[in-house]
PDB file of all heavy atoms in Angstrom:
ATOM      1  N   LEU A   1      67.774 -24.526-120.948  1.00  0.00           N
ATOM      2  CA  LEU A   1      66.930 -24.791-122.115  1.00  0.00           C
ATOM      3  C   LEU A   1      67.178 -26.145-122.775  1.00  0.00           C
ATOM      4  O   LEU A   1      66.221 -26.884-123.044  1.00  0.00           O
ATOM      5  CB  LEU A   1      67.102 -23.685-123.154  1.00  0.00           C
ATOM      6  CG  LEU A   1      66.085 -22.548-123.148  1.00  0.00           C
ATOM      7  CD1 LEU A   1      66.371 -21.584-124.275  1.00  0.00           C
ATOM      8  CD2 LEU A   1      64.682 -23.103-123.271  1.00  0.00           C
ATOM      9  N   PRO A   2      68.430 -26.506-123.075  1.00  0.00           N
ATOM     10  CA  PRO A   2      68.643 -27.805-123.738  1.00  0.00           C
ATOM     11  C   PRO A   2      68.079 -28.976-122.945  1.00  0.00           C
ATOM     12  O   PRO A   2      67.485 -29.895-123.518  1.00  0.00           O
ATOM     13  CB  PRO A   2      70.175 -27.882-123.861  1.00  0.00           C
ATOM     14  CG  PRO A   2      70.616 -26.452-123.903  1.00  0.00           C
ATOM     15  CD  PRO A   2      69.694 -25.736-122.959  1.00  0.00           C
ATOM     16  N   LEU A   3      68.237 -28.941-121.623  1.00  0.00           N
ATOM     17  CA  LEU A   3      67.713 -30.022-120.787  1.00  0.00           C
ATOM     18  C   LEU A   3      66.193 -30.061-120.829  1.00  0.00           C
ATOM     19  O   LEU A   3      65.582 -31.126-120.951  1.00  0.00           O
ATOM     20  CB  LEU A   3      68.206 -29.855-119.347  1.00  0.00           C
ATOM     21  CG  LEU A   3      67.731 -30.911-118.345  1.00  0.00           C
ATOM     22  CD1 LEU A   3      68.253 -32.291-118.734  1.00  0.00           C
ATOM     23  CD2 LEU A   3      68.184 -30.546-116.934  1.00  0.00           C
ATOM     24  N   ALA A   4      65.571 -28.873-120.756  1.00  0.00           N
ATOM     25  CA  ALA A   4      64.108 -28.815-120.756  1.00  0.00           C
ATOM     26  C   ALA A   4      63.538 -29.293-122.090  1.00  0.00           C
ATOM     27  O   ALA A   4      62.585 -30.083-122.123  1.00  0.00           O
ATOM     28  CB  ALA A   4      63.650 -27.387-120.474  1.00  0.00           C
ATOM     29  N   VAL A   5      64.106 -28.816-123.186  1.00  0.00           N
ATOM     30  CA  VAL A   5      63.631 -29.246-124.503  1.00  0.00           C
ATOM     31  C   VAL A   5      63.926 -30.733-124.714  1.00  0.00           C
ATOM     32  O   VAL A   5      63.136 -31.453-125.331  1.00  0.00           O
ATOM     33  CB  VAL A   5      64.266 -28.392-125.619  1.00  0.00           C
ATOM     34  CG1 VAL A   5      63.875 -28.919-126.994  1.00  0.00           C
ATOM     35  CG2 VAL A   5      63.834 -26.935-125.480  1.00  0.00           C
ATOM     36  N   GLY A   6      65.050 -31.203-124.179  1.00  0.00           N
ATOM     37  CA  GLY A   6      65.366 -32.627-124.267  1.00  0.00           C
ATOM     38  C   GLY A   6      64.328 -33.487-123.573  1.00  0.00           C
ATOM     39  O   GLY A   6      63.934 -34.543-124.074  1.00  0.00           O
ATOM     40  N   ALA A   7      63.854 -33.023-122.390  1.00  0.00           N
ATOM     41  CA  ALA A   7      62.822 -33.773-121.669  1.00  0.00           C
ATOM     42  C   ALA A   7      61.515 -33.791-122.447  1.00  0.00           C
ATOM     43  O   ALA A   7      60.841 -34.826-122.541  1.00  0.00           O
ATOM     44  CB  ALA A   7      62.610 -33.162-120.286  1.00  0.00           C
ATOM     45  N   LEU A   8      61.150 -32.637-123.017  1.00  0.00           N
ATOM     46  CA  LEU A   8      59.939 -32.606-123.840  1.00  0.00           C
ATOM     47  C   LEU A   8      60.106 -33.469-125.089  1.00  0.00           C
ATOM     48  O   LEU A   8      59.170 -34.132-125.534  1.00  0.00           O
ATOM     49  CB  LEU A   8      59.621 -31.166-124.236  1.00  0.00           C
ATOM     50  CG  LEU A   8      59.072 -30.270-123.125  1.00  0.00           C
ATOM     51  CD1 LEU A   8      59.016 -28.821-123.572  1.00  0.00           C
ATOM     52  CD2 LEU A   8      57.698 -30.746-122.695  1.00  0.00           C
ATOM     53  N   GLY A   9      61.326 -33.463-125.643  1.00  0.00           N
ATOM     54  CA  GLY A   9      61.591 -34.303-126.809  1.00  0.00           C
ATOM     55  C   GLY A   9      61.451 -35.777-126.493  1.00  0.00           C
ATOM     56  O   GLY A   9      60.942 -36.554-127.316  1.00  0.00           O
ATOM     57  N   ALA A  10      61.899 -36.175-125.298  1.00  0.00           N
ATOM     58  CA  ALA A  10      61.758 -37.576-124.896  1.00  0.00           C
ATOM     59  C   ALA A  10      60.293 -37.977-124.832  1.00  0.00           C
ATOM     60  O   ALA A  10      59.919 -39.098-125.191  1.00  0.00           O
ATOM     61  CB  ALA A  10      62.432 -37.797-123.545  1.00  0.00           C
ATOM     62  N   GLU A  11      59.453 -37.043-124.407  1.00  0.00           N
ATOM     63  CA  GLU A  11      58.025 -37.321-124.362  1.00  0.00           C
ATOM     64  C   GLU A  11      57.441 -37.396-125.764  1.00  0.00           C
ATOM     65  O   GLU A  11      56.683 -38.317-126.098  1.00  0.00           O
ATOM     66  CB  GLU A  11      57.329 -36.226-123.545  1.00  0.00           C
ATOM     67  CG  GLU A  11      55.869 -36.490-123.280  1.00  0.00           C
ATOM     68  CD  GLU A  11      55.259 -35.472-122.337  1.00  0.00           C
ATOM     69  OE1 GLU A  11      55.993 -34.600-121.837  1.00  0.00           O
ATOM     70  OE2 GLU A  11      54.044 -35.552-122.102  1.00  0.00           O
ATOM     71  N   LEU A  12      57.809 -36.440-126.618  1.00  0.00           N
ATOM     72  CA  LEU A  12      57.289 -36.412-127.986  1.00  0.00           C
ATOM     73  C   LEU A  12      57.741 -37.628-128.785  1.00  0.00           C
ATOM     74  O   LEU A  12      56.953 -38.248-129.510  1.00  0.00           O
ATOM     75  CB  LEU A  12      57.753 -35.142-128.696  1.00  0.00           C
ATOM     76  CG  LEU A  12      57.188 -33.810-128.201  1.00  0.00           C
ATOM     77  CD1 LEU A  12      57.865 -32.647-128.911  1.00  0.00           C
ATOM     78  CD2 LEU A  12      55.689 -33.754-128.426  1.00  0.00           C
ATOM     79  N   PHE A  13      59.024 -37.976-128.659  1.00  0.00           N
ATOM     80  CA  PHE A  13      59.579 -39.071-129.448  1.00  0.00           C
ATOM     81  C   PHE A  13      59.452 -40.425-128.738  1.00  0.00           C
ATOM     82  O   PHE A  13      60.135 -41.370-129.093  1.00  0.00           O
ATOM     83  CB  PHE A  13      61.044 -38.786-129.791  1.00  0.00           C
ATOM     84  CG  PHE A  13      61.219 -37.720-130.825  1.00  0.00           C
ATOM     85  CD1 PHE A  13      61.388 -36.405-130.456  1.00  0.00           C
ATOM     86  CD2 PHE A  13      61.188 -38.032-132.175  1.00  0.00           C
ATOM     87  CE1 PHE A  13      61.541 -35.406-131.405  1.00  0.00           C
ATOM     88  CE2 PHE A  13      61.336 -37.046-133.134  1.00  0.00           C
ATOM     89  CZ  PHE A  13      61.510 -35.722-132.753  1.00  0.00           C
ATOM     90  N   GLY A  14      58.595 -40.488-127.755  1.00  0.00           N
ATOM     91  CA  GLY A  14      58.338 -41.757-127.085  1.00  0.00           C
ATOM     92  C   GLY A  14      56.860 -42.091-127.018  1.00  0.00           C
ATOM     93  O   GLY A  14      56.452 -43.031-126.338  1.00  0.00           O
ATOM     94  N   GLU A  15      56.042 -41.310-127.729  1.00  0.00           N
ATOM     95  CA  GLU A  15      54.596 -41.488-127.644  1.00  0.00           C
ATOM     96  C   GLU A  15      54.171 -42.843-128.215  1.00  0.00           C
ATOM     97  O   GLU A  15      54.581 -43.226-129.303  1.00  0.00           O
ATOM     98  CB  GLU A  15      53.891 -40.355-128.390  1.00  0.00           C
ATOM     99  CG  GLU A  15      52.384 -40.418-128.282  1.00  0.00           C
ATOM    100  CD  GLU A  15      51.705 -39.215-128.905  1.00  0.00           C
ATOM    101  OE1 GLU A  15      52.103 -38.075-128.573  1.00  0.00           O
ATOM    102  OE2 GLU A  15      50.794 -39.417-129.728  1.00  0.00           O
ATOM    103  N   VAL A  16      53.333 -43.521-127.439  1.00  0.00           N
ATOM    104  CA  VAL A  16      52.841 -44.843-127.835  1.00  0.00           C
ATOM    105  C   VAL A  16      51.359 -44.785-128.200  1.00  0.00           C
ATOM    106  O   VAL A  16      50.933 -45.352-129.206  1.00  0.00           O
ATOM    107  CB  VAL A  16      53.084 -45.870-126.710  1.00  0.00           C
ATOM    108  CG1 VAL A  16      52.416 -47.204-127.042  1.00  0.00           C
ATOM    109  CG2 VAL A  16      54.575 -46.062-126.487  1.00  0.00           C
ATOM    110  N   VAL A  17      50.568 -44.114-127.370  1.00  0.00           N
ATOM    111  CA  VAL A  17      49.130 -43.995-127.659  1.00  0.00           C
ATOM    112  C   VAL A  17      48.713 -42.539-127.496  1.00  0.00           C
ATOM    113  O   VAL A  17      49.376 -41.750-126.810  1.00  0.00           O
ATOM    114  CB  VAL A  17      48.271 -44.893-126.738  1.00  0.00           C
ATOM    115  CG1 VAL A  17      48.701 -46.338-126.835  1.00  0.00           C
ATOM    116  CG2 VAL A  17      48.311 -44.410-125.289  1.00  0.00           C
ATOM    117  N   ALA A  18      47.608 -42.183-128.141  1.00  0.00           N
ATOM    118  CA  ALA A  18      47.059 -40.835-128.059  1.00  0.00           C
ATOM    119  C   ALA A  18      45.600 -40.913-127.612  1.00  0.00           C
ATOM    120  O   ALA A  18      45.001 -41.990-127.562  1.00  0.00           O
ATOM    121  CB  ALA A  18      47.170 -40.135-129.414  1.00  0.00           C
ATOM    122  N   ASP A  19      45.063 -39.755-127.254  1.00  0.00           N
ATOM    123  CA  ASP A  19      43.632 -39.627-126.911  1.00  0.00           C
ATOM    124  C   ASP A  19      43.208 -40.600-125.816  1.00  0.00           C
ATOM    125  O   ASP A  19      42.123 -41.194-125.881  1.00  0.00           O
ATOM    126  CB  ASP A  19      42.757 -39.841-128.151  1.00  0.00           C
ATOM    127  CG  ASP A  19      43.103 -38.882-129.270  1.00  0.00           C
ATOM    128  OD1 ASP A  19      43.400 -37.715-128.960  1.00  0.00           O
ATOM    129  OD2 ASP A  19      43.098 -39.291-130.444  1.00  0.00           O
ATOM    130  N   ALA A  20      44.048 -40.773-124.809  1.00  0.00           N
ATOM    131  CA  ALA A  20      43.691 -41.656-123.700  1.00  0.00           C
ATOM    132  C   ALA A  20      42.618 -40.989-122.836  1.00  0.00           C
ATOM    133  O   ALA A  20      42.687 -39.796-122.546  1.00  0.00           O
ATOM    134  CB  ALA A  20      44.921 -41.967-122.850  1.00  0.00           C
ATOM    135  N   ARG A  21      41.638 -41.762-122.453  1.00  0.00           N
ATOM    136  CA  ARG A  21      40.547 -41.254-121.610  1.00  0.00           C
ATOM    137  C   ARG A  21      40.160 -42.330-120.603  1.00  0.00           C
ATOM    138  O   ARG A  21      40.167 -43.523-120.916  1.00  0.00           O
ATOM    139  CB  ARG A  21      39.339 -40.846-122.467  1.00  0.00           C
ATOM    140  CG  ARG A  21      38.209 -40.216-121.665  1.00  0.00           C
ATOM    141  CD  ARG A  21      37.065 -39.766-122.559  1.00  0.00           C
ATOM    142  NE  ARG A  21      37.362 -38.525-123.263  1.00  0.00           N
ATOM    143  CZ  ARG A  21      37.119 -37.301-122.778  1.00  0.00           C
ATOM    144  NH1 ARG A  21      36.585 -37.169-121.566  1.00  0.00           N
ATOM    145  NH2 ARG A  21      37.394 -36.232-123.477  1.00  0.00           N
ATOM    146  N   VAL A  22      39.833 -41.895-119.402  1.00  0.00           N
ATOM    147  CA  VAL A  22      39.409 -42.798-118.328  1.00  0.00           C
ATOM    148  C   VAL A  22      37.961 -42.489-117.975  1.00  0.00           C
ATOM    149  O   VAL A  22      37.580 -41.314-117.815  1.00  0.00           O
ATOM    150  CB  VAL A  22      40.313 -42.641-117.086  1.00  0.00           C
ATOM    151  CG1 VAL A  22      39.725 -43.388-115.889  1.00  0.00           C
ATOM    152  CG2 VAL A  22      41.719 -43.142-117.392  1.00  0.00           C
ATOM    153  N   TYR A  23      37.146 -43.537-117.851  1.00  0.00           N
ATOM    154  CA  TYR A  23      35.730 -43.408-117.485  1.00  0.00           C
ATOM    155  C   TYR A  23      35.515 -44.096-116.132  1.00  0.00           C
ATOM    156  O   TYR A  23      35.987 -45.216-115.918  1.00  0.00           O
ATOM    157  CB  TYR A  23      34.831 -44.078-118.523  1.00  0.00           C
ATOM    158  CG  TYR A  23      35.010 -43.574-119.938  1.00  0.00           C
ATOM    159  CD1 TYR A  23      36.054 -44.042-120.732  1.00  0.00           C
ATOM    160  CD2 TYR A  23      34.132 -42.637-120.473  1.00  0.00           C
ATOM    161  CE1 TYR A  23      36.227 -43.585-122.032  1.00  0.00           C
ATOM    162  CE2 TYR A  23      34.293 -42.178-121.778  1.00  0.00           C
ATOM    163  CZ  TYR A  23      35.341 -42.661-122.547  1.00  0.00           C
ATOM    164  OH  TYR A  23      35.517 -42.210-123.825  1.00  0.00           O
ATOM    165  N   VAL A  24      34.783 -43.430-115.234  1.00  0.00           N
ATOM    166  CA  VAL A  24      34.509 -43.988-113.911  1.00  0.00           C
ATOM    167  C   VAL A  24      33.008 -43.938-113.658  1.00  0.00           C
ATOM    168  O   VAL A  24      32.397 -42.859-113.716  1.00  0.00           O
ATOM    169  CB  VAL A  24      35.252 -43.222-112.807  1.00  0.00           C
ATOM    170  CG1 VAL A  24      34.939 -43.831-111.442  1.00  0.00           C
ATOM    171  CG2 VAL A  24      36.754 -43.233-113.058  1.00  0.00           C
ATOM    172  N   LEU A  25      32.413 -45.104-113.383  1.00  0.00           N
ATOM    173  CA  LEU A  25      30.998 -45.195-113.032  1.00  0.00           C
ATOM    174  C   LEU A  25      30.897 -45.544-111.549  1.00  0.00           C
ATOM    175  O   LEU A  25      31.266 -46.651-111.141  1.00  0.00           O
ATOM    176  CB  LEU A  25      30.308 -46.271-113.874  1.00  0.00           C
ATOM    177  CG  LEU A  25      28.831 -46.532-113.549  1.00  0.00           C
ATOM    178  CD1 LEU A  25      27.990 -45.296-113.844  1.00  0.00           C
ATOM    179  CD2 LEU A  25      28.313 -47.725-114.350  1.00  0.00           C
TER     180      LEU A  25
END
């Protein structure tokens, strides 16, 4: 558990941008 929550924490506390979307024509 500590390792798993730590990995999720690294993602949460490292967020740079939100709502990323890719468009392909």
